[in-house]
Amino acid sequence: MPEKRPIHLLTATEVRLLIDQCSRRAPTGVRDAALIGVLYRGGLRISEALTLYARDLNRERGTLRIHCGKGHKPRTVGLDTTAFGLVDR
């Protein structure tokens, strides 16, 4: 069995620096900033984020519905206004 390594979590400052490196004009930069924000704020796995649709966001409730999470189980996570702001852009 492979040895488990400790998980390295990014700080809020490190995430902000990543988002700041994304272009604010190019569609891919705007997309990347939103993806980073949703991953960080929602605690998503990359596989979960890659299967999202706009309909999975519920701004009124401040939630994001993940249909196929770990173990193929659905779950709902909360997102704050910062993450929604990045997605809206």
N, C-alpha and C. Protein backbone atom coordinates (compact mmCIF):
# COMPACT_ATOMS: atom_id res chain seq x y z
N MET A 1 0.85 -1.18 0.00
CA MET A 1 0.00 0.00 0.00
C MET A 1 0.90 1.24 0.00
N PRO A 2 0.61 2.22 -0.88
CA PRO A 2 1.46 3.40 -0.95
C PRO A 2 1.41 4.22 0.34
N GLU A 3 2.52 4.87 0.63
CA GLU A 3 2.60 5.69 1.83
C GLU A 3 1.75 6.95 1.64
N LYS A 4 0.97 7.30 2.65
CA LYS A 4 0.15 8.51 2.57
C LYS A 4 1.00 9.71 2.95
N ARG A 5 0.89 10.73 2.13
CA ARG A 5 1.61 11.98 2.40
C ARG A 5 0.66 12.96 3.07
N PRO A 6 1.21 13.87 3.86
CA PRO A 6 0.34 14.88 4.47
C PRO A 6 -0.24 15.80 3.40
N ILE A 7 -1.45 16.24 3.63
CA ILE A 7 -2.13 17.13 2.69
C ILE A 7 -1.64 18.55 2.93
N HIS A 8 -1.31 19.24 1.85
CA HIS A 8 -0.91 20.63 1.93
C HIS A 8 -2.08 21.50 1.50
N LEU A 9 -2.63 22.25 2.44
CA LEU A 9 -3.74 23.14 2.13
C LEU A 9 -3.21 24.53 1.80
N LEU A 10 -3.81 25.14 0.80
CA LEU A 10 -3.43 26.50 0.45
C LEU A 10 -4.07 27.48 1.43
N THR A 11 -3.36 28.54 1.72
CA THR A 11 -3.91 29.59 2.55
C THR A 11 -4.79 30.49 1.69
N ALA A 12 -5.59 31.33 2.34
CA ALA A 12 -6.43 32.27 1.60
C ALA A 12 -5.57 33.22 0.77
N THR A 13 -4.42 33.60 1.28
CA THR A 13 -3.50 34.48 0.54
C THR A 13 -2.97 33.78 -0.71
N GLU A 14 -2.61 32.51 -0.59
CA GLU A 14 -2.11 31.77 -1.74
C GLU A 14 -3.18 31.62 -2.82
N VAL A 15 -4.41 31.39 -2.40
CA VAL A 15 -5.50 31.27 -3.36
C VAL A 15 -5.74 32.61 -4.04
N ARG A 16 -5.71 33.69 -3.28
CA ARG A 16 -5.90 35.03 -3.86
C ARG A 16 -4.81 35.31 -4.89
N LEU A 17 -3.57 34.93 -4.60
CA LEU A 17 -2.47 35.12 -5.56
C LEU A 17 -2.70 34.31 -6.84
N LEU A 18 -3.22 33.10 -6.70
CA LEU A 18 -3.55 32.29 -7.89
C LEU A 18 -4.62 32.97 -8.73
N ILE A 19 -5.67 33.44 -8.07
CA ILE A 19 -6.77 34.09 -8.79
C ILE A 19 -6.29 35.37 -9.46
N ASP A 20 -5.43 36.11 -8.78
CA ASP A 20 -4.91 37.35 -9.34
C ASP A 20 -4.06 37.12 -10.58
N GLN A 21 -3.52 35.93 -10.75
CA GLN A 21 -2.71 35.61 -11.92
C GLN A 21 -3.57 35.31 -13.15
N CYS A 22 -4.85 35.09 -12.95
CA CYS A 22 -5.76 34.79 -14.07
C CYS A 22 -6.12 36.09 -14.78
N SER A 23 -6.19 36.02 -16.09
CA SER A 23 -6.58 37.18 -16.89
C SER A 23 -8.00 37.59 -16.54
N ARG A 24 -8.23 38.90 -16.47
CA ARG A 24 -9.58 39.40 -16.20
C ARG A 24 -10.32 39.71 -17.49
N ARG A 25 -9.62 39.59 -18.62
CA ARG A 25 -10.22 39.89 -19.92
C ARG A 25 -10.46 38.65 -20.76
N ALA A 26 -9.50 37.76 -20.79
CA ALA A 26 -9.63 36.55 -21.61
C ALA A 26 -10.67 35.62 -20.99
N PRO A 27 -11.54 35.05 -21.79
CA PRO A 27 -12.55 34.12 -21.25
C PRO A 27 -11.95 32.98 -20.45
N THR A 28 -10.79 32.48 -20.89
CA THR A 28 -10.17 31.37 -20.15
C THR A 28 -9.67 31.83 -18.78
N GLY A 29 -9.20 33.04 -18.68
CA GLY A 29 -8.75 33.56 -17.39
C GLY A 29 -9.89 33.75 -16.42
N VAL A 30 -11.00 34.29 -16.93
CA VAL A 30 -12.20 34.47 -16.10
C VAL A 30 -12.71 33.11 -15.64
N ARG A 31 -12.73 32.16 -16.56
CA ARG A 31 -13.16 30.79 -16.22
C ARG A 31 -12.26 30.18 -15.16
N ASP A 32 -10.94 30.31 -15.34
CA ASP A 32 -9.99 29.72 -14.39
C ASP A 32 -10.13 30.33 -13.00
N ALA A 33 -10.34 31.65 -12.93
CA ALA A 33 -10.52 32.30 -11.64
C ALA A 33 -11.77 31.77 -10.94
N ALA A 34 -12.85 31.61 -11.69
CA ALA A 34 -14.09 31.07 -11.11
C ALA A 34 -13.88 29.64 -10.63
N LEU A 35 -13.18 28.85 -11.42
CA LEU A 35 -12.92 27.45 -11.05
C LEU A 35 -12.09 27.37 -9.77
N ILE A 36 -11.06 28.16 -9.68
CA ILE A 36 -10.22 28.17 -8.47
C ILE A 36 -11.05 28.59 -7.26
N GLY A 37 -11.86 29.63 -7.42
CA GLY A 37 -12.69 30.10 -6.32
C GLY A 37 -13.69 29.06 -5.85
N VAL A 38 -14.34 28.39 -6.78
CA VAL A 38 -15.33 27.37 -6.41
C VAL A 38 -14.65 26.17 -5.77
N LEU A 39 -13.51 25.75 -6.31
CA LEU A 39 -12.77 24.64 -5.71
C LEU A 39 -12.41 24.94 -4.26
N TYR A 40 -11.88 26.13 -4.04
CA TYR A 40 -11.40 26.50 -2.71
C TYR A 40 -12.55 26.74 -1.74
N ARG A 41 -13.50 27.59 -2.14
CA ARG A 41 -14.59 27.96 -1.24
C ARG A 41 -15.56 26.82 -0.96
N GLY A 42 -15.72 25.93 -1.94
CA GLY A 42 -16.66 24.82 -1.76
C GLY A 42 -16.01 23.54 -1.29
N GLY A 43 -14.67 23.49 -1.28
CA GLY A 43 -13.98 22.27 -0.87
C GLY A 43 -14.20 21.13 -1.85
N LEU A 44 -14.27 21.46 -3.13
CA LEU A 44 -14.55 20.44 -4.15
C LEU A 44 -13.30 19.70 -4.57
N ARG A 45 -13.51 18.49 -5.00
CA ARG A 45 -12.47 17.72 -5.68
C ARG A 45 -12.50 18.15 -7.14
N ILE A 46 -11.38 18.05 -7.82
CA ILE A 46 -11.32 18.49 -9.22
C ILE A 46 -12.32 17.71 -10.07
N SER A 47 -12.47 16.42 -9.82
CA SER A 47 -13.42 15.63 -10.61
C SER A 47 -14.85 16.13 -10.41
N GLU A 48 -15.18 16.62 -9.23
CA GLU A 48 -16.51 17.16 -8.97
C GLU A 48 -16.71 18.48 -9.72
N ALA A 49 -15.71 19.32 -9.70
CA ALA A 49 -15.80 20.62 -10.36
C ALA A 49 -15.94 20.48 -11.87
N LEU A 50 -15.29 19.49 -12.43
CA LEU A 50 -15.30 19.33 -13.88
C LEU A 50 -16.64 18.81 -14.41
N THR A 51 -17.51 18.36 -13.53
CA THR A 51 -18.82 17.86 -13.97
C THR A 51 -19.96 18.82 -13.62
N LEU A 52 -19.63 20.04 -13.22
CA LEU A 52 -20.66 21.01 -12.83
C LEU A 52 -21.33 21.65 -14.04
N TYR A 53 -22.56 22.04 -13.83
CA TYR A 53 -23.33 22.82 -14.80
C TYR A 53 -23.85 24.06 -14.09
N ALA A 54 -24.19 25.08 -14.85
CA ALA A 54 -24.72 26.32 -14.27
C ALA A 54 -25.96 26.03 -13.43
N ARG A 55 -26.76 25.07 -13.83
CA ARG A 55 -27.99 24.75 -13.10
C ARG A 55 -27.71 24.17 -11.70
N ASP A 56 -26.47 23.76 -11.45
CA ASP A 56 -26.12 23.22 -10.13
C ASP A 56 -25.93 24.30 -9.08
N LEU A 57 -25.81 25.56 -9.52
CA LEU A 57 -25.66 26.69 -8.60
C LEU A 57 -27.03 27.21 -8.19
N ASN A 58 -27.19 27.46 -6.91
CA ASN A 58 -28.42 28.07 -6.40
C ASN A 58 -28.02 29.30 -5.61
N ARG A 59 -28.06 30.45 -6.26
CA ARG A 59 -27.63 31.70 -5.63
C ARG A 59 -28.53 32.09 -4.46
N GLU A 60 -29.82 31.81 -4.58
CA GLU A 60 -30.77 32.17 -3.52
C GLU A 60 -30.45 31.46 -2.22
N ARG A 61 -30.08 30.22 -2.32
CA ARG A 61 -29.75 29.43 -1.13
C ARG A 61 -28.26 29.47 -0.79
N GLY A 62 -27.44 29.93 -1.74
CA GLY A 62 -26.00 29.96 -1.53
C GLY A 62 -25.38 28.58 -1.55
N THR A 63 -25.90 27.72 -2.44
CA THR A 63 -25.44 26.34 -2.46
C THR A 63 -25.01 25.90 -3.86
N LEU A 64 -24.31 24.82 -3.88
CA LEU A 64 -23.86 24.18 -5.10
C LEU A 64 -24.14 22.69 -4.96
N ARG A 65 -24.83 22.12 -5.92
CA ARG A 65 -25.19 20.70 -5.88
C ARG A 65 -24.17 19.90 -6.68
N ILE A 66 -23.57 18.91 -6.04
CA ILE A 66 -22.62 18.02 -6.69
C ILE A 66 -23.32 16.68 -6.86
N HIS A 67 -23.42 16.23 -8.09
CA HIS A 67 -24.20 15.03 -8.37
C HIS A 67 -23.42 13.74 -8.19
N CYS A 68 -22.12 13.79 -8.40
CA CYS A 68 -21.33 12.56 -8.34
C CYS A 68 -20.04 12.83 -7.56
N GLY A 69 -20.14 12.85 -6.25
CA GLY A 69 -18.99 13.09 -5.40
C GLY A 69 -18.23 11.80 -5.10
N LYS A 70 -17.45 11.84 -4.07
CA LYS A 70 -16.68 10.66 -3.67
C LYS A 70 -17.63 9.51 -3.36
N GLY A 71 -17.33 8.35 -3.90
CA GLY A 71 -18.20 7.20 -3.72
C GLY A 71 -19.47 7.31 -4.54
N HIS A 72 -19.46 8.18 -5.55
CA HIS A 72 -20.61 8.40 -6.43
C HIS A 72 -21.85 8.86 -5.67
N LYS A 73 -21.63 9.59 -4.56
CA LYS A 73 -22.73 10.09 -3.76
C LYS A 73 -22.94 11.58 -4.04
N PRO A 74 -24.20 11.99 -4.18
CA PRO A 74 -24.46 13.42 -4.35
C PRO A 74 -24.31 14.16 -3.02
N ARG A 75 -24.00 15.45 -3.12
CA ARG A 75 -23.92 16.26 -1.91
C ARG A 75 -24.15 17.72 -2.29
N THR A 76 -24.47 18.51 -1.30
CA THR A 76 -24.67 19.94 -1.48
C THR A 76 -23.68 20.67 -0.59
N VAL A 77 -23.01 21.68 -1.16
CA VAL A 77 -22.06 22.47 -0.40
C VAL A 77 -22.47 23.93 -0.45
N GLY A 78 -22.06 24.67 0.55
CA GLY A 78 -22.33 26.09 0.58
C GLY A 78 -21.23 26.88 -0.11
N LEU A 79 -21.62 27.95 -0.77
CA LEU A 79 -20.66 28.87 -1.38
C LEU A 79 -20.96 30.27 -0.87
N ASP A 80 -19.92 31.05 -0.68
CA ASP A 80 -20.10 32.42 -0.21
C ASP A 80 -20.21 33.39 -1.40
N THR A 81 -20.42 34.64 -1.09
CA THR A 81 -20.61 35.65 -2.13
C THR A 81 -19.35 35.85 -2.96
N THR A 82 -18.18 35.61 -2.38
CA THR A 82 -16.93 35.73 -3.14
C THR A 82 -16.91 34.74 -4.29
N ALA A 83 -17.23 33.49 -4.01
CA ALA A 83 -17.25 32.46 -5.04
C ALA A 83 -18.31 32.76 -6.10
N PHE A 84 -19.49 33.18 -5.65
CA PHE A 84 -20.55 33.51 -6.61
C PHE A 84 -20.16 34.72 -7.46
N GLY A 85 -19.43 35.67 -6.87
CA GLY A 85 -18.97 36.82 -7.63
C GLY A 85 -18.02 36.43 -8.74
N LEU A 86 -17.13 35.48 -8.47
CA LEU A 86 -16.20 35.00 -9.49
C LEU A 86 -16.94 34.27 -10.60
N VAL A 87 -17.95 33.50 -10.23
CA VAL A 87 -18.74 32.77 -11.21
C VAL A 87 -19.56 33.76 -12.05
N ASP A 88 -20.14 34.76 -11.43
CA ASP A 88 -20.94 35.74 -12.16
C ASP A 88 -20.12 36.52 -13.18
N ARG A 89 -18.86 36.77 -12.87
CA ARG A 89 -18.00 37.50 -13.78
C ARG A 89 -17.79 36.69 -15.03
